[in-house]
């Protein structure tokens, strides 16, 4: 069973995810973006003051690398037949790719990335989507720019609906609320 925690940066996915995984004795797969972005020598786009075509090109490559790394990590977990909570999923990668790369990616690139992500997204048992209105972690621009967060949140929800993936939309991202939702998912899938 693979449960994904999805949503905007700073909404509490990592903090709550670690606590929930401890509470339920489920493995936790941390977000992989920092490792991939470090390799590509790029920071999150929302922290860059002047975005050039070259920066977008590098960011696009980083997102494509992140997608491949995430799929590899998810497939490893799936092959071991263990339960895990994932901090982000391919749906999140697709939302950020749409937001930042739609103006630079060719139609063929976009269709290819979408197909890979959509085909892989079926591996997740469920997606737990964290709300924007409950920001509990300050990560500079990412958590303080509500317009940006709402855009990413809306894209995540649109992708989940478009791809017809099972998901739960949280009203609050506190440990108690998330715990109830995760317990229901576990009960429904065991």
Protein backbone atom coordinates (compact mmCIF):
# COMPACT_ATOMS: atom_id res chain seq x y z
CA UNK A 1 0.00 0.00 0.00
CA UNK A 2 1.41 3.37 -1.04
CA UNK A 3 -0.30 6.50 0.28
CA UNK A 4 0.82 9.82 -1.17
CA UNK A 5 0.70 13.11 0.69
CA UNK A 6 0.18 15.81 -1.94
CA UNK A 7 -0.21 19.56 -1.97
CA UNK A 8 1.60 22.87 -1.93
CA UNK A 9 4.98 23.40 -0.27
CA UNK A 10 4.79 24.31 3.40
CA UNK A 11 1.38 22.72 4.02
CA UNK A 12 2.70 20.19 6.53
CA UNK A 13 3.13 17.04 4.41
CA UNK A 14 6.57 16.16 5.76
CA UNK A 15 5.96 17.11 9.39
CA UNK A 16 2.60 15.33 9.60
CA UNK A 17 3.76 12.46 7.36
CA UNK A 18 6.62 11.54 9.69
CA UNK A 19 4.30 11.57 12.71
CA UNK A 20 1.59 9.51 10.96
CA UNK A 21 4.12 6.96 9.70
CA UNK A 22 5.44 6.58 13.25
CA UNK A 23 1.92 6.34 14.65
CA UNK A 24 0.85 3.60 12.22
CA UNK A 25 4.22 1.83 11.91
CA UNK A 26 4.32 2.62 8.19
CA UNK A 27 7.53 3.48 6.34
CA UNK A 28 8.00 7.10 5.25
CA UNK A 29 9.56 8.06 1.91
CA UNK A 30 10.81 11.65 2.14
CA UNK A 31 10.46 14.19 -0.62
CA UNK A 32 13.17 13.67 -3.25
CA UNK A 33 13.24 17.17 -4.73
CA UNK A 34 16.19 18.55 -2.73
CA UNK A 35 18.48 15.70 -3.79
CA UNK A 36 17.53 16.08 -7.47
CA UNK A 37 17.68 19.89 -7.45
CA UNK A 38 21.11 19.80 -5.78
CA UNK A 39 22.34 17.49 -8.54
CA UNK A 40 21.06 19.92 -11.19
CA UNK A 41 22.33 22.91 -9.17
CA UNK A 42 18.99 24.66 -9.12
CA UNK A 43 16.79 26.06 -6.36
CA UNK A 44 13.02 25.88 -6.29
CA UNK A 45 11.75 28.21 -9.03
CA UNK A 46 9.67 30.29 -6.67
CA UNK A 47 12.84 31.43 -4.85
CA UNK A 48 14.54 32.74 -8.01
CA UNK A 49 13.97 36.46 -8.61
CA UNK A 50 14.65 36.49 -12.39
CA UNK A 51 13.56 33.40 -14.32
CA UNK A 52 15.34 33.06 -17.67
CA UNK A 53 14.83 30.51 -20.47
CA UNK A 54 18.07 28.82 -19.41
CA UNK A 55 16.85 28.47 -15.83
CA UNK A 56 13.54 27.07 -17.13
CA UNK A 57 15.45 24.57 -19.32
CA UNK A 58 17.48 23.34 -16.32
CA UNK A 59 14.33 23.25 -14.17
CA UNK A 60 12.53 21.18 -16.82
CA UNK A 61 15.43 18.68 -16.83
CA UNK A 62 15.37 18.59 -13.02
CA UNK A 63 11.62 17.88 -12.96
CA UNK A 64 12.04 15.09 -15.52
CA UNK A 65 14.88 13.61 -13.41
CA UNK A 66 12.71 13.94 -10.29
CA UNK A 67 9.90 12.05 -12.02
CA UNK A 68 12.27 9.20 -12.96
CA UNK A 69 13.77 9.06 -9.44
CA UNK A 70 10.32 9.06 -7.82
CA UNK A 71 9.10 6.26 -10.08
CA UNK A 72 12.20 4.22 -9.24
CA UNK A 73 11.70 4.76 -5.49
CA UNK A 74 7.98 3.92 -5.68
CA UNK A 75 8.62 0.78 -7.73
CA UNK A 76 11.23 -0.38 -5.19
CA UNK A 77 8.70 0.04 -2.37
CA UNK A 78 5.97 -1.66 -4.41
CA UNK A 79 8.21 -4.66 -5.20
CA UNK A 80 8.90 -5.15 -1.48
CA UNK A 81 5.16 -5.23 -0.77
CA UNK A 82 5.43 -2.92 2.21
CA UNK A 83 3.23 -0.01 3.27
CA UNK A 84 4.63 3.48 2.88
CA UNK A 85 3.59 7.11 3.10
CA UNK A 86 5.21 9.17 0.34
CA UNK A 87 5.97 12.84 0.71
CA UNK A 88 4.68 13.89 -2.74
CA UNK A 89 3.86 11.78 -5.77
CA UNK A 90 4.14 11.93 -9.54
CA UNK A 91 0.95 14.02 -9.44
CA UNK A 92 2.83 16.78 -7.57
CA UNK A 93 5.71 16.58 -10.07
CA UNK A 94 3.21 16.93 -12.92
CA UNK A 95 1.60 19.99 -11.28
CA UNK A 96 4.95 21.77 -10.91
CA UNK A 97 5.93 20.72 -14.45
CA UNK A 98 2.68 22.19 -15.78
CA UNK A 99 3.11 25.41 -13.83
CA UNK A 100 6.74 26.11 -14.72
CA UNK A 101 7.47 24.20 -17.93
CA UNK A 102 4.32 24.55 -20.06
CA UNK A 103 5.84 27.51 -21.92
CA UNK A 104 9.15 25.79 -22.65
CA UNK A 105 8.29 22.07 -23.05
CA UNK A 106 7.40 20.90 -26.54
CA UNK A 107 4.03 19.23 -27.01
CA UNK A 108 5.86 15.91 -27.44
CA UNK A 109 7.84 16.40 -24.21
CA UNK A 110 4.71 17.35 -22.30
CA UNK A 111 2.71 14.37 -23.63
CA UNK A 112 5.60 12.02 -22.85
CA UNK A 113 6.00 13.28 -19.27
CA UNK A 114 2.24 13.18 -18.73
CA UNK A 115 1.95 9.61 -20.05
CA UNK A 116 4.77 8.34 -17.83
CA UNK A 117 3.35 10.10 -14.76
CA UNK A 118 -0.24 9.04 -15.45
CA UNK A 119 0.70 5.40 -16.05
CA UNK A 120 2.72 5.33 -12.84
CA UNK A 121 0.12 7.17 -10.73
CA UNK A 122 -1.97 3.99 -10.57
CA UNK A 123 0.59 2.51 -8.15
CA UNK A 124 -0.68 4.74 -5.31
CA UNK A 125 -3.45 3.38 -3.10
CA UNK A 126 -4.67 6.89 -2.36
CA UNK A 127 -3.61 10.53 -2.34
CA UNK A 128 -4.14 12.65 0.75
CA UNK A 129 -4.25 16.29 -0.37
CA UNK A 130 -3.19 18.94 2.14
CA UNK A 131 -5.03 22.28 2.11
CA UNK A 132 -3.49 25.66 1.33
CA UNK A 133 -5.39 27.45 4.07
CA UNK A 134 -3.64 25.46 6.80
CA UNK A 135 -0.05 26.55 6.20
CA UNK A 136 1.98 25.40 9.18
CA UNK A 137 5.54 25.48 7.88
CA UNK A 138 7.31 28.60 6.64
CA UNK A 139 9.61 27.84 3.71
CA UNK A 140 10.13 31.45 2.62
CA UNK A 141 8.34 32.31 -0.63
CA UNK A 142 6.78 28.89 -1.16
CA UNK A 143 4.65 29.01 1.96
CA UNK A 144 4.04 32.73 2.05
CA UNK A 145 2.75 33.21 -1.49
CA UNK A 146 -0.86 32.06 -1.24
CA UNK A 147 -1.57 32.75 -4.94
CA UNK A 148 1.25 30.40 -5.97
CA UNK A 149 0.17 27.78 -3.44
CA UNK A 150 -3.44 27.90 -4.62
CA UNK A 151 -2.28 27.45 -8.22
CA UNK A 152 -0.28 24.32 -7.33
CA UNK A 153 -3.10 23.00 -5.10
CA UNK A 154 -5.65 23.54 -7.90
CA UNK A 155 -3.39 21.80 -10.42
CA UNK A 156 -2.90 18.81 -8.10
CA UNK A 157 -6.67 18.47 -7.65
CA UNK A 158 -7.26 18.88 -11.39
CA UNK A 159 -4.76 16.14 -12.22
CA UNK A 160 -6.21 13.77 -9.60
CA UNK A 161 -9.70 14.32 -11.01
CA UNK A 162 -8.60 14.16 -14.65
CA UNK A 163 -6.67 10.93 -14.09
CA UNK A 164 -9.52 9.57 -11.93
CA UNK A 165 -7.27 8.76 -8.98
CA UNK A 166 -8.56 7.98 -5.49
CA UNK A 167 -7.94 10.93 -3.20
CA UNK A 168 -9.02 12.56 0.03
CA UNK A 169 -9.04 16.34 0.36
CA UNK A 170 -8.19 17.40 3.89
CA UNK A 171 -10.01 20.28 5.51
CA UNK A 172 -7.21 20.61 8.08
CA UNK A 173 -3.66 19.27 8.07
CA UNK A 174 -3.27 18.56 11.77
CA UNK A 175 -2.07 15.13 12.90
CA UNK A 176 -5.48 14.10 14.30
CA UNK A 177 -7.35 14.87 11.03
CA UNK A 178 -4.75 13.16 8.86
CA UNK A 179 -4.62 10.19 11.23
CA UNK A 180 -8.37 9.58 10.79
CA UNK A 181 -8.07 9.69 6.99
CA UNK A 182 -5.04 7.37 6.90
CA UNK A 183 -6.77 4.92 9.28
CA UNK A 184 -9.77 4.81 6.92
CA UNK A 185 -7.52 4.21 3.89
CA UNK A 186 -5.66 1.41 5.70
CA UNK A 187 -8.94 -0.19 6.83
CA UNK A 188 -10.37 -0.03 3.29
CA UNK A 189 -7.25 -1.63 1.79
CA UNK A 190 -6.42 -4.46 4.20
